[in-house]
Protein backbone atom coordinates (compact mmCIF):
# COMPACT_ATOMS: atom_id res chain seq x y z
CA MET A 1 -98.24 -74.03 38.17
CA TYR A 2 -97.06 -71.28 40.50
CA GLN A 3 -97.78 -73.28 43.62
CA ASP A 4 -96.20 -76.35 42.04
CA PHE A 5 -92.79 -74.77 41.61
CA LEU A 6 -92.91 -73.27 45.11
CA SER A 7 -93.88 -76.56 46.75
CA LEU A 8 -90.44 -78.08 47.14
CA ASN A 9 -89.04 -80.25 49.91
CA TYR A 10 -86.86 -77.47 51.30
CA LYS A 11 -85.13 -79.75 53.76
CA LYS A 12 -83.99 -81.87 50.83
CA VAL A 13 -83.03 -78.74 48.90
CA SER A 14 -80.91 -77.62 51.86
CA HIS A 15 -79.12 -80.98 51.99
CA LYS A 16 -78.37 -80.90 48.25
CA ILE A 17 -76.93 -77.39 48.38
CA THR A 18 -74.78 -78.07 51.43
CA ARG A 19 -73.40 -81.17 49.75
CA PHE A 20 -72.70 -79.11 46.62
CA ILE A 21 -70.73 -76.53 48.63
CA SER A 22 -68.65 -79.12 50.49
CA GLU A 23 -67.95 -81.07 47.29
CA GLN A 24 -66.82 -77.93 45.44
CA VAL A 25 -64.42 -76.95 48.21
CA GLU A 26 -62.92 -80.43 48.36
CA LEU A 27 -62.86 -80.96 44.58
CA ARG A 28 -60.91 -77.74 44.05
CA LYS A 29 -58.69 -78.44 47.08
CA LYS A 30 -59.38 -75.05 48.68
CA ASN A 31 -59.20 -74.02 52.32
CA GLY A 32 -62.80 -72.86 52.41
CA ILE A 33 -64.99 -70.04 51.12
CA VAL A 34 -65.31 -66.27 51.34
CA ILE A 35 -68.75 -64.67 51.01
CA GLY A 36 -70.03 -61.12 50.75
CA LEU A 37 -72.59 -60.76 53.53
CA SER A 38 -75.00 -57.90 52.87
CA GLY A 39 -77.63 -58.65 55.50
CA GLY A 40 -80.16 -59.44 52.79
CA LEU A 41 -81.96 -62.68 52.03
CA ASP A 42 -79.72 -64.33 49.43
CA SER A 43 -76.39 -63.85 51.17
CA SER A 44 -77.90 -64.81 54.54
CA VAL A 45 -79.29 -68.07 53.14
CA CYS A 46 -75.94 -68.81 51.51
CA LEU A 47 -74.04 -68.21 54.73
CA VAL A 48 -76.30 -70.52 56.74
CA LEU A 49 -75.91 -73.24 54.12
CA ALA A 50 -72.13 -72.78 54.08
CA THR A 51 -71.96 -73.31 57.84
CA LYS A 52 -73.79 -76.60 57.36
CA ALA A 53 -71.44 -77.64 54.57
CA ILE A 54 -67.98 -76.95 55.98
CA LYS A 55 -66.39 -76.09 59.32
CA LYS A 56 -66.99 -72.52 60.41
CA ASP A 57 -63.27 -71.77 60.69
CA ARG A 58 -63.09 -72.34 56.93
CA ILE A 59 -65.56 -69.53 56.24
CA MET A 60 -64.77 -65.82 55.94
CA ALA A 61 -67.59 -63.30 55.61
CA LEU A 62 -66.99 -59.79 54.31
CA ILE A 63 -69.47 -57.09 55.29
CA MET A 64 -68.96 -54.25 52.80
CA PRO A 65 -71.33 -51.35 53.45
CA GLU A 66 -71.05 -48.14 51.46
CA GLY A 67 -71.36 -44.92 53.43
CA GLY A 68 -74.40 -42.89 52.40
CA VAL A 69 -75.86 -45.85 50.48
CA THR A 70 -76.12 -48.95 52.70
CA PRO A 71 -78.84 -48.65 55.36
CA LYS A 72 -77.77 -49.32 58.94
CA LYS A 73 -80.29 -52.17 59.24
CA ASP A 74 -78.48 -54.09 56.48
CA THR A 75 -75.18 -53.90 58.31
CA ASP A 76 -76.85 -54.72 61.62
CA ASN A 77 -78.45 -57.82 60.07
CA ALA A 78 -75.14 -58.94 58.60
CA ARG A 79 -73.29 -58.53 61.91
CA TYR A 80 -76.10 -60.27 63.77
CA LEU A 81 -76.05 -63.31 61.51
CA ALA A 82 -72.26 -63.64 61.49
CA ASN A 83 -72.17 -63.44 65.29
CA GLU A 84 -75.13 -65.80 65.68
CA LEU A 85 -73.45 -68.38 63.45
CA LYS A 86 -70.03 -67.74 65.04
CA VAL A 87 -68.43 -67.03 61.65
CA ASN A 88 -65.32 -64.86 61.31
CA TYR A 89 -66.02 -61.64 59.45
CA ASN A 90 -64.31 -58.42 58.43
CA GLU A 91 -66.15 -55.16 57.87
CA ILE A 92 -64.69 -53.04 55.09
CA HIS A 93 -65.80 -49.55 54.07
CA PHE A 94 -64.74 -48.76 50.51
CA GLU A 95 -66.54 -45.47 49.82
CA SER A 96 -63.34 -43.37 50.01
CA ALA A 97 -61.70 -45.52 47.32
CA LYS A 98 -64.81 -45.24 45.13
CA THR A 99 -65.04 -41.48 45.65
CA ASN A 100 -61.40 -41.10 44.66
CA LEU A 101 -61.92 -43.16 41.51
CA LEU A 102 -65.08 -41.31 40.49
CA SER A 103 -63.42 -37.93 40.92
CA HIS A 104 -61.39 -38.75 37.80
CA LEU A 105 -64.24 -40.30 35.76
CA PRO A 106 -67.31 -39.13 33.81
CA LYS A 107 -70.47 -39.10 35.93
CA ASN A 108 -73.12 -41.79 35.44
CA LYS A 109 -75.41 -43.15 38.16
CA ILE A 110 -75.69 -46.75 36.95
CA SER A 111 -72.03 -47.08 36.00
CA ALA A 112 -71.01 -45.65 39.37
CA GLY A 113 -73.25 -48.18 41.08
CA ASN A 114 -71.62 -50.99 39.14
CA ILE A 115 -68.26 -49.79 40.42
CA SER A 116 -69.53 -50.52 43.94
CA ALA A 117 -70.35 -54.10 42.94
CA ARG A 118 -66.96 -54.52 41.26
CA LEU A 119 -65.09 -53.12 44.24
CA ARG A 120 -66.86 -55.66 46.46
CA MET A 121 -65.86 -58.41 44.03
CA THR A 122 -62.26 -57.18 44.12
CA LEU A 123 -62.20 -57.35 47.92
CA LEU A 124 -63.66 -60.86 47.91
CA TYR A 125 -61.05 -62.11 45.46
CA HIS A 126 -58.30 -60.41 47.46
CA TYR A 127 -59.22 -62.49 50.50
CA ALA A 128 -59.74 -65.56 48.34
CA GLY A 129 -56.27 -65.15 46.89
CA ILE A 130 -54.37 -64.66 50.12
CA SER A 131 -56.17 -67.49 51.96
CA ASP A 132 -56.75 -69.91 49.05
CA LEU A 133 -60.55 -69.71 49.27
CA LEU A 134 -63.42 -69.97 46.80
CA VAL A 135 -65.67 -66.94 46.32
CA LEU A 136 -69.20 -68.11 47.07
CA GLY A 137 -71.64 -66.13 44.92
CA THR A 138 -75.10 -65.30 46.21
CA SER A 139 -77.09 -64.70 42.99
CA ASP A 140 -80.42 -66.51 42.65
CA LYS A 141 -82.13 -67.90 39.54
CA SER A 142 -84.48 -64.95 39.11
CA GLU A 143 -81.64 -62.44 38.97
CA LEU A 144 -79.43 -64.58 36.76
CA MET A 145 -82.16 -65.20 34.19
CA ILE A 146 -82.93 -61.51 33.67
CA GLY A 147 -79.33 -60.34 34.06
CA TYR A 148 -80.03 -58.42 37.26
CA PHE A 149 -76.43 -58.47 38.42
CA THR A 150 -73.26 -56.58 37.63
CA LYS A 151 -71.04 -58.34 35.12
CA PHE A 152 -67.71 -59.02 36.86
CA GLY A 153 -69.26 -57.59 40.03
CA ASP A 154 -71.72 -59.61 42.10
CA GLY A 155 -71.82 -61.90 39.04
CA GLY A 156 -68.16 -62.77 39.66
CA ALA A 157 -67.89 -65.94 41.75
CA ASP A 158 -66.43 -69.45 41.87
CA LEU A 159 -69.65 -71.26 42.81
CA LEU A 160 -73.34 -70.31 42.87
CA PRO A 161 -75.19 -72.51 45.38
CA ILE A 162 -78.66 -70.91 45.11
CA ALA A 163 -78.62 -70.13 41.38
CA GLY A 164 -81.07 -72.97 40.78
CA LEU A 165 -83.74 -71.33 42.97
CA TYR A 166 -86.08 -68.45 42.18
CA LYS A 167 -86.16 -65.61 44.71
CA SER A 168 -89.58 -66.84 45.91
CA GLN A 169 -88.06 -70.25 46.58
CA VAL A 170 -85.07 -68.74 48.37
CA LYS A 171 -87.51 -67.00 50.74
CA LEU A 172 -89.13 -70.32 51.60
CA LEU A 173 -85.72 -71.92 52.05
CA GLY A 174 -84.80 -69.07 54.40
CA LYS A 175 -87.85 -69.92 56.51
CA GLU A 176 -86.82 -73.59 56.55
CA LEU A 177 -83.36 -72.53 57.75
CA GLY A 178 -84.83 -70.43 60.56
CA LEU A 179 -83.73 -66.99 59.39
CA PRO A 180 -85.39 -64.09 61.23
CA ASN A 181 -88.38 -62.45 59.51
CA ARG A 182 -86.58 -59.12 59.32
CA ILE A 183 -84.10 -60.72 56.90
CA ILE A 184 -86.62 -62.84 54.98
CA LYS A 185 -89.04 -59.94 54.45
CA GLN A 186 -86.44 -57.26 53.79
CA PRO A 187 -86.93 -55.70 50.33
CA SER A 188 -84.24 -56.91 47.95
CA SER A 189 -81.61 -54.43 46.78
CA PRO A 190 -78.10 -54.50 45.30
CA ARG A 191 -77.53 -51.20 47.18
CA LEU A 192 -75.80 -49.52 44.25
CA TRP A 193 -77.13 -46.07 45.19
CA LYS A 194 -79.14 -44.49 48.00
CA GLY A 195 -82.71 -45.75 48.14
CA HIS A 196 -82.05 -48.45 45.56
CA LEU A 197 -84.74 -51.15 45.59
CA ALA A 198 -84.78 -54.07 43.16
CA GLU A 199 -88.53 -54.33 42.57
CA LYS A 200 -88.82 -50.58 42.00
CA GLN A 201 -86.06 -50.67 39.40
CA LEU A 202 -87.36 -53.81 37.71
CA GLY A 203 -90.93 -52.56 37.48
CA LEU A 204 -92.56 -55.66 38.97
CA SER A 205 -92.44 -57.79 42.12
CA TYR A 206 -90.32 -60.91 42.44
CA SER A 207 -93.45 -63.04 42.82
CA GLU A 208 -94.69 -61.71 39.46
CA LEU A 209 -91.24 -62.10 37.92
CA ASP A 210 -90.89 -65.70 39.08
CA ILE A 211 -94.29 -66.66 37.66
CA ILE A 212 -93.37 -65.22 34.27
CA LEU A 213 -89.95 -66.89 34.32
CA GLN A 214 -91.52 -70.26 35.08
CA TYR A 215 -93.92 -69.95 32.15
CA TYR A 216 -91.03 -68.75 29.97
CA LEU A 217 -88.93 -71.82 30.80
CA ASN A 218 -91.93 -74.03 30.04
CA ASN A 219 -92.35 -72.26 26.69
CA ASP A 220 -95.92 -71.46 27.73
CA LEU A 221 -96.09 -67.68 28.07
CA GLY A 222 -99.46 -67.71 26.29
CA SER A 223 -100.99 -69.33 29.39
CA CYS A 224 -99.46 -66.82 31.83
CA ASP A 225 -102.07 -64.59 33.50
CA GLN A 226 -99.65 -61.71 34.08
CA SER A 227 -100.11 -58.57 31.98
CA LYS A 228 -98.67 -58.53 28.46
CA LYS A 229 -96.68 -55.44 29.44
CA LYS A 230 -94.93 -57.25 32.31
CA ILE A 231 -94.34 -60.38 30.23
CA LYS A 232 -92.69 -58.28 27.51
CA LEU A 233 -90.63 -56.48 30.15
CA VAL A 234 -89.24 -59.78 31.46
CA VAL A 235 -88.61 -61.31 28.04
CA ASP A 236 -86.76 -58.16 26.96
CA MET A 237 -84.57 -58.31 30.09
CA ILE A 238 -83.71 -61.94 29.37
CA ARG A 239 -82.76 -61.20 25.77
CA LYS A 240 -80.81 -58.02 26.42
CA SER A 241 -78.75 -59.64 29.20
CA GLN A 242 -77.85 -62.82 27.30
CA HIS A 243 -74.21 -61.68 27.01
CA LYS A 244 -73.89 -61.79 30.80
CA ARG A 245 -74.61 -65.51 30.90
CA GLU A 246 -72.49 -66.58 27.95
CA PRO A 247 -68.75 -67.34 27.88
CA ILE A 248 -66.58 -64.53 26.55
CA PRO A 249 -66.25 -64.97 22.76
CA ILE A 250 -62.77 -66.06 21.72
CA CYS A 251 -61.37 -65.45 18.24
CA ASN A 252 -59.48 -68.39 16.77
CA PRO A 253 -57.39 -66.90 13.93
CA LEU A 254 -55.66 -70.19 13.08
């Protein structure tokens, strides 16, 4: 089953996603898209696909490293890809704004990290607003299913072109698109604090996660050969993060 869901026609997948991006931009009558470019796999794949979908002068990339948190290699990868694709980009450092905010707030590591994600979202929507662009989100299926994103942070977007692909599938799509190995093999991280790595925080690898998620969607967890501990971990993450994937409840008092 694992090999089955990885064995896609990635050229066809690429065509479908590029058509989706172009159709969304035209349907909503926008000038183009703005994307947060981290130098990691998901945002790099999304940027390449965007350049295939619409003219490059309709794309704005924002590189938003955080001093003391974002490794230099991430920023180098982001600059490299933007220059290689000849896409306009701005590099914005927001750590002074975050430091100023946190100086007036109670201390909490995770909450402070989420502020980073929400500041990045704020910057993306600022550029979207002044240039009439759509914010292209870079979350993948694995992260969306378990809620591994910041609500109203990196989860805030106008379209999600790779949200139908597991992380393992995004890696294979990245190879199809010709991304360098240093981007494809780079450990995933939201970079919410120094040394932050996704798989370390989650407690399992993305390949393990994706297998469990596939069995979960097929309602066949009893056949999954992953450990019961890891299966429970994933199922708990799905359940606890359900509120992130649902519309905001609205009270109708009439």
